[in-house]
Amino acid sequence: MSKTGKYIIYAKEVFQIEAKSISNLSKLLDEQFEQCVEAILKSKGRLVITGVGKSGLIGRKISATLASTGTPSMFLHPVEAFHGDLGMLKKEDVVLAISYSGETEELLKIIPFIKANGIKLIGMSGKPNSTLAKNSDYHLNVFVQKEACPLELAPTSSTTATLAMGDAMAVALMKGRNFKSEDFARFHPGGSLGRRLLTTVEDCMFKEKLPVVKLQDSVKTVINTMSAGRLGIAVVTDKGIIKGIITDGDLRRAMDKHAEKLFSLKASQIMTPKPKTITKSMKMAEAEALMTRYKITSLLVADKGKLVGVAQIYSVSL
């Protein structure tokens, strides 16, 4: 067996062990999870996450996920907290303390302060009888039967399970807050995702000097209008109402079919009738999805059947 084959087997074993660990989490869920989510939803403060080492790294990721999905959150290192940063905590906050063993000394040192100030404490560990679990208002059990590490030393399955529990909490909170894509975009205004989710068709559609022709206009007029419009299309209207569209492809097909008779034709004879239209309030991301689905690059923006703009798949730089 080649080394490559052997290492793939090792990797598959890790996937199987960690997948089983995550699957078993559903059996460990109880009313404590419900109570945790309710406590966070009712809180007027932040969800402050704390942990040491690998648990701390996972905690940072959970905090980042929460903060971007509608739950105010921050990470507080327990060592820094013990040396002055406890002042960051407010009575309205909820603290999520992560320690797989539930016996991490640096973490346990700050619990008395948390309890003395009436701050709700959620413990997340793999030991329901640990010191952390016993001193928490709520406990989330992330027990795993074995680590994926062959030495059973490096946190692998346990950190994966902890991260999965954090994701489950984040999703439950999103559901509880009725968090929508528009809300997500508000927390990501600087990225392409935010622009996609927030930008409407009206924000980026072409609306000046639109390439419009009438049903009885000649092919020569159509070509001149398309050239002037520089959108690769001509919109055919009748008394202002959209009747069809003529694209570069429609022109090429008409040339192949009619040859020397092409310039004797009217716009109505080469147009594609009943073109797809959208409203100006539609999100540009939805419009682009439609264009991709139907393999087109332009959509007509209509209001009560009248043309008000043209949206193209390259209308907005993302």
Protein backbone atom coordinates (compact mmCIF):
# COMPACT_ATOMS: atom_id res chain seq x y z
CA MET A 1 0.00 0.00 0.00
CA SER A 2 1.33 3.45 -0.90
CA LYS A 3 1.87 6.12 1.72
CA THR A 4 -0.83 8.18 0.10
CA GLY A 5 -3.37 5.41 0.56
CA LYS A 6 -2.33 4.90 4.15
CA TYR A 7 -2.69 8.57 5.05
CA ILE A 8 -6.11 8.73 3.40
CA ILE A 9 -7.19 5.89 5.69
CA TYR A 10 -5.96 7.87 8.69
CA ALA A 11 -7.91 10.91 7.54
CA LYS A 12 -11.09 8.87 7.03
CA GLU A 13 -10.76 7.46 10.54
CA VAL A 14 -10.62 11.01 11.90
CA PHE A 15 -13.73 11.97 9.93
CA GLN A 16 -15.60 8.93 11.21
CA ILE A 17 -14.64 9.53 14.84
CA GLU A 18 -15.48 13.22 14.75
CA ALA A 19 -18.71 12.67 12.81
CA LYS A 20 -19.82 10.18 15.44
CA SER A 21 -18.92 12.63 18.19
CA ILE A 22 -21.08 15.33 16.64
CA SER A 23 -23.93 12.91 16.00
CA ASN A 24 -23.94 11.86 19.66
CA LEU A 25 -24.38 15.49 20.75
CA SER A 26 -28.05 15.37 19.80
CA LYS A 27 -28.57 12.67 22.42
CA LEU A 28 -27.02 14.89 25.09
CA LEU A 29 -29.30 17.87 24.46
CA ASP A 30 -31.86 18.51 27.19
CA GLU A 31 -33.85 21.37 28.69
CA GLN A 32 -30.58 23.06 29.66
CA PHE A 33 -30.02 24.01 26.02
CA GLU A 34 -33.50 25.53 25.81
CA GLN A 35 -32.89 27.48 29.01
CA CYS A 36 -29.53 28.74 27.76
CA VAL A 37 -31.02 30.10 24.56
CA GLU A 38 -33.91 31.73 26.42
CA ALA A 39 -31.51 33.34 28.92
CA ILE A 40 -29.40 34.80 26.10
CA LEU A 41 -32.46 36.06 24.23
CA LYS A 42 -33.76 37.78 27.36
CA SER A 43 -30.39 39.30 28.22
CA LYS A 44 -29.95 43.02 27.62
CA GLY A 45 -26.17 42.62 27.60
CA ARG A 46 -23.65 40.58 25.67
CA LEU A 47 -22.76 36.91 25.56
CA VAL A 48 -19.20 36.95 26.86
CA ILE A 49 -17.26 33.80 26.00
CA THR A 50 -14.19 32.68 27.89
CA GLY A 51 -11.81 29.73 27.71
CA VAL A 52 -8.14 28.74 27.77
CA GLY A 53 -6.02 27.09 25.09
CA LYS A 54 -7.90 25.17 22.41
CA SER A 55 -11.19 25.88 24.19
CA GLY A 56 -10.36 29.56 24.02
CA LEU A 57 -9.68 29.36 20.28
CA ILE A 58 -12.99 27.62 19.71
CA GLY A 59 -14.64 30.19 21.96
CA ARG A 60 -13.30 33.02 19.80
CA LYS A 61 -14.82 31.43 16.72
CA ILE A 62 -18.18 30.89 18.43
CA SER A 63 -18.15 34.51 19.59
CA ALA A 64 -17.43 35.72 16.06
CA THR A 65 -20.30 33.64 14.67
CA LEU A 66 -22.69 34.96 17.28
CA ALA A 67 -21.67 38.58 16.76
CA SER A 68 -22.32 38.30 13.02
CA THR A 69 -25.69 36.63 13.47
CA GLY A 70 -27.43 39.07 15.78
CA THR A 71 -26.15 38.17 19.25
CA PRO A 72 -23.80 40.80 20.75
CA SER A 73 -20.76 38.82 21.82
CA MET A 74 -17.12 39.20 22.82
CA PHE A 75 -14.29 36.94 23.92
CA LEU A 76 -12.64 37.45 27.31
CA HIS A 77 -9.47 35.54 28.17
CA PRO A 78 -9.76 34.27 31.77
CA VAL A 79 -6.14 35.10 32.62
CA GLU A 80 -6.54 38.69 31.43
CA ALA A 81 -9.89 38.80 33.21
CA PHE A 82 -8.28 37.74 36.48
CA HIS A 83 -5.76 40.56 36.10
CA GLY A 84 -8.17 43.42 35.57
CA ASP A 85 -10.39 42.72 32.59
CA LEU A 86 -13.24 41.48 34.78
CA GLY A 87 -14.26 45.13 34.80
CA MET A 88 -15.52 44.58 31.25
CA LEU A 89 -18.34 42.39 32.54
CA LYS A 90 -21.75 43.90 33.23
CA LYS A 91 -24.59 42.48 35.28
CA GLU A 92 -26.73 42.31 32.13
CA ASP A 93 -24.20 40.03 30.39
CA VAL A 94 -24.30 36.25 30.14
CA VAL A 95 -21.00 34.38 30.36
CA LEU A 96 -20.28 31.19 28.45
CA ALA A 97 -17.29 29.42 30.01
CA ILE A 98 -15.73 26.62 27.94
CA SER A 99 -13.53 23.87 29.38
CA TYR A 100 -13.79 20.27 28.24
CA SER A 101 -12.51 18.97 31.56
CA GLY A 102 -14.51 21.51 33.50
CA GLU A 103 -11.54 21.86 35.83
CA THR A 104 -9.39 24.48 34.09
CA GLU A 105 -7.84 26.42 36.97
CA GLU A 106 -7.63 29.81 35.24
CA LEU A 107 -11.29 29.57 34.32
CA LEU A 108 -12.50 28.50 37.75
CA LYS A 109 -10.75 31.47 39.36
CA ILE A 110 -13.13 33.98 37.78
CA ILE A 111 -16.34 32.11 38.61
CA PRO A 112 -16.67 33.64 42.12
CA PHE A 113 -16.68 37.14 40.60
CA ILE A 114 -19.27 36.13 38.02
CA LYS A 115 -21.55 34.60 40.65
CA ALA A 116 -21.07 37.45 43.15
CA ASN A 117 -22.19 39.99 40.54
CA GLY A 118 -25.33 38.09 39.59
CA ILE A 119 -24.17 37.36 36.07
CA LYS A 120 -25.70 34.28 34.47
CA LEU A 121 -23.13 31.57 33.78
CA ILE A 122 -23.34 28.90 31.11
CA GLY A 123 -20.76 26.14 31.40
CA MET A 124 -19.80 24.04 28.40
CA SER A 125 -17.79 20.92 29.17
CA GLY A 126 -17.64 17.18 28.61
CA LYS A 127 -17.99 16.43 32.32
CA PRO A 128 -21.48 16.99 33.79
CA ASN A 129 -20.08 16.46 37.31
CA SER A 130 -17.15 18.85 36.92
CA THR A 131 -16.57 21.92 39.06
CA LEU A 132 -17.56 24.16 36.16
CA ALA A 133 -20.79 22.26 35.57
CA LYS A 134 -21.77 22.29 39.24
CA ASN A 135 -21.21 26.05 39.53
CA SER A 136 -22.99 27.05 36.33
CA ASP A 137 -26.58 28.20 36.04
CA TYR A 138 -26.85 26.08 32.90
CA HIS A 139 -24.59 23.34 31.55
CA LEU A 140 -24.09 22.16 27.98
CA ASN A 141 -22.65 18.67 27.73
CA VAL A 142 -20.17 18.16 24.87
CA PHE A 143 -18.92 14.74 25.95
CA VAL A 144 -17.09 12.66 23.32
CA GLN A 145 -16.23 8.99 23.63
CA LYS A 146 -12.74 9.40 22.22
CA GLU A 147 -10.42 11.94 20.68
CA ALA A 148 -9.46 11.48 17.04
CA CYS A 149 -5.84 11.91 18.15
CA PRO A 150 -4.29 8.40 18.22
CA LEU A 151 -2.57 9.28 21.51
CA GLU A 152 -5.88 10.49 23.01
CA LEU A 153 -4.06 13.66 24.00
CA ALA A 154 -4.61 16.45 21.47
CA PRO A 155 -8.11 17.96 21.61
CA THR A 156 -9.69 16.93 18.31
CA SER A 157 -13.13 15.37 18.64
CA SER A 158 -13.78 17.42 21.76
CA THR A 159 -13.03 20.74 20.09
CA THR A 160 -15.10 19.73 17.05
CA ALA A 161 -18.03 18.88 19.33
CA THR A 162 -17.63 22.16 21.20
CA LEU A 163 -17.66 24.13 17.96
CA ALA A 164 -20.73 22.24 16.76
CA MET A 165 -22.56 23.02 20.00
CA GLY A 166 -21.65 26.67 19.56
CA ASP A 167 -23.02 26.60 16.02
CA ALA A 168 -26.21 24.96 17.27
CA MET A 169 -26.60 27.74 19.82
CA ALA A 170 -25.96 30.44 17.20
CA VAL A 171 -28.56 28.97 14.83
CA ALA A 172 -31.12 28.59 17.63
CA LEU A 173 -30.58 32.24 18.55
CA MET A 174 -30.96 33.28 14.91
CA LYS A 175 -34.28 31.45 14.79
CA GLY A 176 -35.30 32.99 18.10
CA ARG A 177 -34.53 36.49 16.81
CA ASN A 178 -36.08 35.83 13.39
CA PHE A 179 -32.72 36.86 11.95
CA LYS A 180 -32.92 37.40 8.17
CA SER A 181 -30.44 37.75 5.33
CA GLU A 182 -30.92 41.53 5.40
CA ASP A 183 -29.92 41.54 9.07
CA PHE A 184 -26.84 39.46 8.28
CA ALA A 185 -25.87 41.93 5.57
CA ARG A 186 -26.06 44.82 8.03
CA PHE A 187 -23.22 43.22 9.98
CA HIS A 188 -21.19 42.66 6.79
CA PRO A 189 -21.53 45.99 4.95
CA GLY A 190 -17.92 46.06 3.80
CA GLY A 191 -17.91 42.71 2.03
CA SER A 192 -19.34 41.41 -1.20
CA LEU A 193 -21.93 39.44 0.75
CA GLY A 194 -23.33 42.59 2.31
CA ARG A 195 -23.48 44.38 -1.00
CA ARG A 196 -25.21 41.44 -2.63
CA LEU A 197 -27.84 41.19 0.09
CA LEU A 198 -28.51 44.91 0.44
CA THR A 199 -28.23 46.22 -3.11
CA THR A 200 -31.53 46.53 -4.94
CA VAL A 201 -32.05 46.47 -8.68
CA GLU A 202 -32.93 50.18 -8.57
CA ASP A 203 -29.52 50.92 -7.05
CA CYS A 204 -27.62 49.73 -10.10
CA MET A 205 -29.99 49.40 -13.06
CA PHE A 206 -29.48 51.40 -16.24
CA LYS A 207 -32.27 53.96 -16.49
CA GLU A 208 -31.01 56.73 -18.78
CA LYS A 209 -31.30 56.68 -22.58
CA LEU A 210 -32.72 53.17 -22.62
CA PRO A 211 -32.60 51.35 -26.00
CA VAL A 212 -36.31 51.38 -26.87
CA VAL A 213 -37.85 50.66 -30.27
CA LYS A 214 -41.43 50.29 -31.50
CA LEU A 215 -43.10 47.23 -33.00
CA GLN A 216 -43.01 48.63 -36.54
CA ASP A 217 -39.46 49.99 -36.42
CA SER A 218 -37.07 48.64 -39.04
CA VAL A 219 -34.15 46.33 -38.33
CA LYS A 220 -31.84 49.21 -39.24
CA THR A 221 -33.44 51.31 -36.48
CA VAL A 222 -33.08 48.36 -34.10
CA ILE A 223 -29.36 48.02 -34.88
CA ASN A 224 -28.74 51.76 -34.49
CA THR A 225 -30.65 51.80 -31.19
CA MET A 226 -28.72 48.81 -29.86
CA SER A 227 -25.41 50.41 -30.82
CA ALA A 228 -26.31 53.70 -29.16
CA GLY A 229 -27.61 52.00 -26.02
CA ARG A 230 -24.49 49.85 -25.56
CA LEU A 231 -26.39 47.25 -23.56
CA GLY A 232 -26.52 44.62 -26.28
CA ILE A 233 -30.32 44.75 -26.41
CA ALA A 234 -33.27 46.70 -27.75
CA VAL A 235 -36.60 46.73 -25.90
CA VAL A 236 -39.68 46.59 -28.09
CA THR A 237 -42.66 48.56 -26.76
CA ASP A 238 -46.15 49.51 -27.83
CA LYS A 239 -47.61 52.65 -26.27
CA GLY A 240 -44.97 52.36 -23.57
CA ILE A 241 -45.81 48.76 -22.68
CA ILE A 242 -43.05 46.14 -23.04
CA LYS A 243 -43.83 43.69 -25.82
CA GLY A 244 -40.49 42.04 -26.50
CA ILE A 245 -36.73 42.15 -26.44
CA ILE A 246 -34.13 41.89 -29.19
CA THR A 247 -30.65 40.73 -28.22
CA ASP A 248 -27.44 40.34 -30.17
CA GLY A 249 -28.33 36.65 -30.40
CA ASP A 250 -31.75 37.44 -31.85
CA LEU A 251 -30.08 39.57 -34.53
CA ARG A 252 -27.60 36.83 -35.46
CA ARG A 253 -30.34 34.24 -35.71
CA ALA A 254 -32.41 36.59 -37.86
CA MET A 255 -29.42 37.14 -40.16
CA ASP A 256 -28.93 33.38 -40.57
CA LYS A 257 -32.61 32.79 -41.20
CA HIS A 258 -33.51 35.72 -43.44
CA ALA A 259 -30.16 36.71 -45.00
CA GLU A 260 -30.71 39.46 -47.62
CA LYS A 261 -34.32 39.96 -46.48
CA LEU A 262 -33.23 40.98 -42.98
CA PHE A 263 -33.50 44.74 -43.53
CA SER A 264 -37.04 44.42 -44.81
CA LEU A 265 -38.21 43.05 -41.47
CA LYS A 266 -39.74 44.91 -38.54
CA ALA A 267 -38.77 44.76 -34.88
CA SER A 268 -41.88 42.70 -34.08
CA GLN A 269 -40.72 39.97 -36.47
CA ILE A 270 -37.36 39.28 -34.84
CA MET A 271 -38.06 40.04 -31.19
CA THR A 272 -38.46 37.53 -28.38
CA PRO A 273 -41.97 38.21 -27.03
CA LYS A 274 -42.94 38.39 -23.36
CA PRO A 275 -39.42 38.84 -21.98
CA LYS A 276 -38.74 38.23 -18.30
CA THR A 277 -39.20 41.32 -16.17
CA ILE A 278 -38.45 42.22 -12.57
CA THR A 279 -39.29 45.04 -10.19
CA LYS A 280 -36.85 47.72 -9.11
CA SER A 281 -37.25 46.72 -5.44
CA MET A 282 -35.87 43.22 -6.03
CA LYS A 283 -32.45 42.53 -4.51
CA MET A 284 -29.67 42.48 -7.11
CA ALA A 285 -28.56 39.11 -5.76
CA GLU A 286 -31.97 37.67 -6.67
CA ALA A 287 -31.84 39.26 -10.11
CA GLU A 288 -28.40 37.80 -10.76
CA ALA A 289 -29.64 34.39 -9.62
CA LEU A 290 -32.47 34.63 -12.18
CA MET A 291 -30.07 35.59 -14.93
CA THR A 292 -27.80 32.70 -14.07
CA ARG A 293 -30.72 30.26 -13.96
CA TYR A 294 -32.06 31.30 -17.37
CA LYS A 295 -28.58 31.85 -18.86
CA ILE A 296 -29.26 35.47 -19.79
CA THR A 297 -27.30 38.63 -19.07
CA SER A 298 -30.11 41.20 -18.97
CA LEU A 299 -33.45 41.61 -17.24
CA LEU A 300 -35.99 44.33 -17.97
CA VAL A 301 -37.15 46.33 -14.98
CA ALA A 302 -40.84 47.12 -15.27
CA ASP A 303 -43.47 49.11 -13.43
CA LYS A 304 -47.05 48.27 -14.44
CA GLY A 305 -45.75 46.85 -17.71
CA LYS A 306 -43.69 49.91 -18.60
CA LEU A 307 -39.91 49.88 -18.91
CA VAL A 308 -38.11 51.78 -16.15
CA GLY A 309 -34.66 50.23 -16.39
CA VAL A 310 -32.38 47.41 -17.45
CA ALA A 311 -30.44 45.23 -15.02
CA GLN A 312 -27.45 43.28 -16.20
CA ILE A 313 -25.42 40.62 -14.47
CA TYR A 314 -22.40 42.92 -14.48
CA SER A 315 -24.34 45.99 -13.31
CA VAL A 316 -22.78 46.00 -9.84
CA SER A 317 -19.18 45.37 -8.87
CA LEU A 318 -19.09 42.86 -6.02
